[in-house]
Amino acid sequence: GLTLVGDDAGRVRWFALSQLGGGIGIQMPPLHGFPFYLQLDYALSYDYSSPSRLMHSIGLIAELAP
């Protein structure tokens, strides 16, 4: 993804490159006997405050089945 207007090292800019990122989400198959679905998300983005300039984010989402 790309932010249209964002913070680029303390300055407001159009298409700030410090706001680039991307990710993937994986919907897990339903577990038999459990009333919820799981989704695993991974994202990689630019972070100017990190020494490596990269930020990794992992998320686990549980959706209750009706």
C-alpha atoms as a PDB file:
ATOM      1  CA  GLY A   1       0.000   0.000   0.000  1.00  0.00           C
ATOM      2  CA  LEU A   2       0.916   3.632  -0.331  1.00  0.00           C
ATOM      3  CA  THR A   3      -0.294   6.588   1.727  1.00  0.00           C
ATOM      4  CA  LEU A   4      -1.437   9.587  -0.308  1.00  0.00           C
ATOM      5  CA  VAL A   5      -0.470  12.150   2.351  1.00  0.00           C
ATOM      6  CA  GLY A   6       1.780  11.150   5.237  1.00  0.00           C
ATOM      7  CA  ASP A   7       4.622  11.911   7.588  1.00  0.00           C
ATOM      8  CA  ASP A   8       8.040  11.633   5.946  1.00  0.00           C
ATOM      9  CA  ALA A   9      10.643  12.046   8.729  1.00  0.00           C
ATOM     10  CA  GLY A  10       8.662  14.824  10.412  1.00  0.00           C
ATOM     11  CA  ARG A  11       7.403  16.607   7.267  1.00  0.00           C
ATOM     12  CA  VAL A  12       3.997  16.258   5.627  1.00  0.00           C
ATOM     13  CA  ARG A  13       4.377  15.067   2.019  1.00  0.00           C
ATOM     14  CA  TRP A  14       2.290  13.714  -0.828  1.00  0.00           C
ATOM     15  CA  PHE A  15       3.099  10.049  -1.529  1.00  0.00           C
ATOM     16  CA  ALA A  16       5.506   9.841   1.402  1.00  0.00           C
ATOM     17  CA  LEU A  17       7.847   6.916   0.761  1.00  0.00           C
ATOM     18  CA  SER A  18       8.105   6.341   4.500  1.00  0.00           C
ATOM     19  CA  GLN A  19       4.567   4.985   4.374  1.00  0.00           C
ATOM     20  CA  LEU A  20       5.079   2.126   1.886  1.00  0.00           C
ATOM     21  CA  GLY A  21       3.946  -1.327   2.914  1.00  0.00           C
ATOM     22  CA  GLY A  22       2.455  -4.610   1.832  1.00  0.00           C
ATOM     23  CA  GLY A  23       1.204  -7.826   3.296  1.00  0.00           C
ATOM     24  CA  ILE A  24      -0.632 -11.078   2.936  1.00  0.00           C
ATOM     25  CA  GLY A  25      -3.518 -12.695   4.783  1.00  0.00           C
ATOM     26  CA  ILE A  26      -4.152 -16.434   4.987  1.00  0.00           C
ATOM     27  CA  GLN A  27      -7.597 -17.766   5.904  1.00  0.00           C
ATOM     28  CA  MET A  28      -7.109 -20.984   7.849  1.00  0.00           C
ATOM     29  CA  PRO A  29      -9.413 -23.925   7.118  1.00  0.00           C
ATOM     30  CA  PRO A  30     -12.197 -24.335   9.690  1.00  0.00           C
ATOM     31  CA  LEU A  31     -11.295 -26.486  12.662  1.00  0.00           C
ATOM     32  CA  HIS A  32     -13.879 -29.189  13.283  1.00  0.00           C
ATOM     33  CA  GLY A  33     -15.613 -28.752  16.619  1.00  0.00           C
ATOM     34  CA  PHE A  34     -14.524 -25.128  17.158  1.00  0.00           C
ATOM     35  CA  PRO A  35     -17.036 -22.275  16.575  1.00  0.00           C
ATOM     36  CA  PHE A  36     -14.549 -19.833  15.001  1.00  0.00           C
ATOM     37  CA  TYR A  37     -12.352 -19.241  11.963  1.00  0.00           C
ATOM     38  CA  LEU A  38      -8.740 -18.072  12.102  1.00  0.00           C
ATOM     39  CA  GLN A  39      -6.878 -15.733   9.773  1.00  0.00           C
ATOM     40  CA  LEU A  40      -3.122 -15.122   9.877  1.00  0.00           C
ATOM     41  CA  ASP A  41      -1.865 -11.756   8.585  1.00  0.00           C
ATOM     42  CA  TYR A  42       1.700 -10.664   7.819  1.00  0.00           C
ATOM     43  CA  ALA A  43       2.740  -7.170   6.779  1.00  0.00           C
ATOM     44  CA  LEU A  44       6.055  -5.543   5.924  1.00  0.00           C
ATOM     45  CA  SER A  45       6.408  -1.783   5.870  1.00  0.00           C
ATOM     46  CA  TYR A  46       9.014   0.975   5.889  1.00  0.00           C
ATOM     47  CA  ASP A  47       9.713   2.454   9.326  1.00  0.00           C
ATOM     48  CA  TYR A  48      12.180   5.338   9.467  1.00  0.00           C
ATOM     49  CA  SER A  49      12.561   5.034  13.267  1.00  0.00           C
ATOM     50  CA  SER A  50      13.850   1.444  13.068  1.00  0.00           C
ATOM     51  CA  PRO A  51      17.599   0.778  12.593  1.00  0.00           C
ATOM     52  CA  SER A  52      16.837  -1.616   9.712  1.00  0.00           C
ATOM     53  CA  ARG A  53      14.127   0.726   8.308  1.00  0.00           C
ATOM     54  CA  LEU A  54      11.721  -2.244   8.161  1.00  0.00           C
ATOM     55  CA  MET A  55       8.785  -3.178  10.362  1.00  0.00           C
ATOM     56  CA  HIS A  56       7.317  -6.687  10.412  1.00  0.00           C
ATOM     57  CA  SER A  57       3.808  -7.166  11.739  1.00  0.00           C
ATOM     58  CA  ILE A  58       2.042 -10.475  12.403  1.00  0.00           C
ATOM     59  CA  GLY A  59      -1.607 -10.699  13.383  1.00  0.00           C
ATOM     60  CA  LEU A  60      -4.010 -13.478  14.266  1.00  0.00           C
ATOM     61  CA  ILE A  61      -7.715 -12.783  13.799  1.00  0.00           C
ATOM     62  CA  ALA A  62     -10.440 -15.001  15.244  1.00  0.00           C
ATOM     63  CA  GLU A  63     -13.894 -14.704  13.645  1.00  0.00           C
ATOM     64  CA  LEU A  64     -16.789 -16.213  15.557  1.00  0.00           C
ATOM     65  CA  ALA A  65     -19.017 -18.422  13.431  1.00  0.00           C
ATOM     66  CA  PRO A  66     -22.764 -17.647  13.424  1.00  0.00           C
END
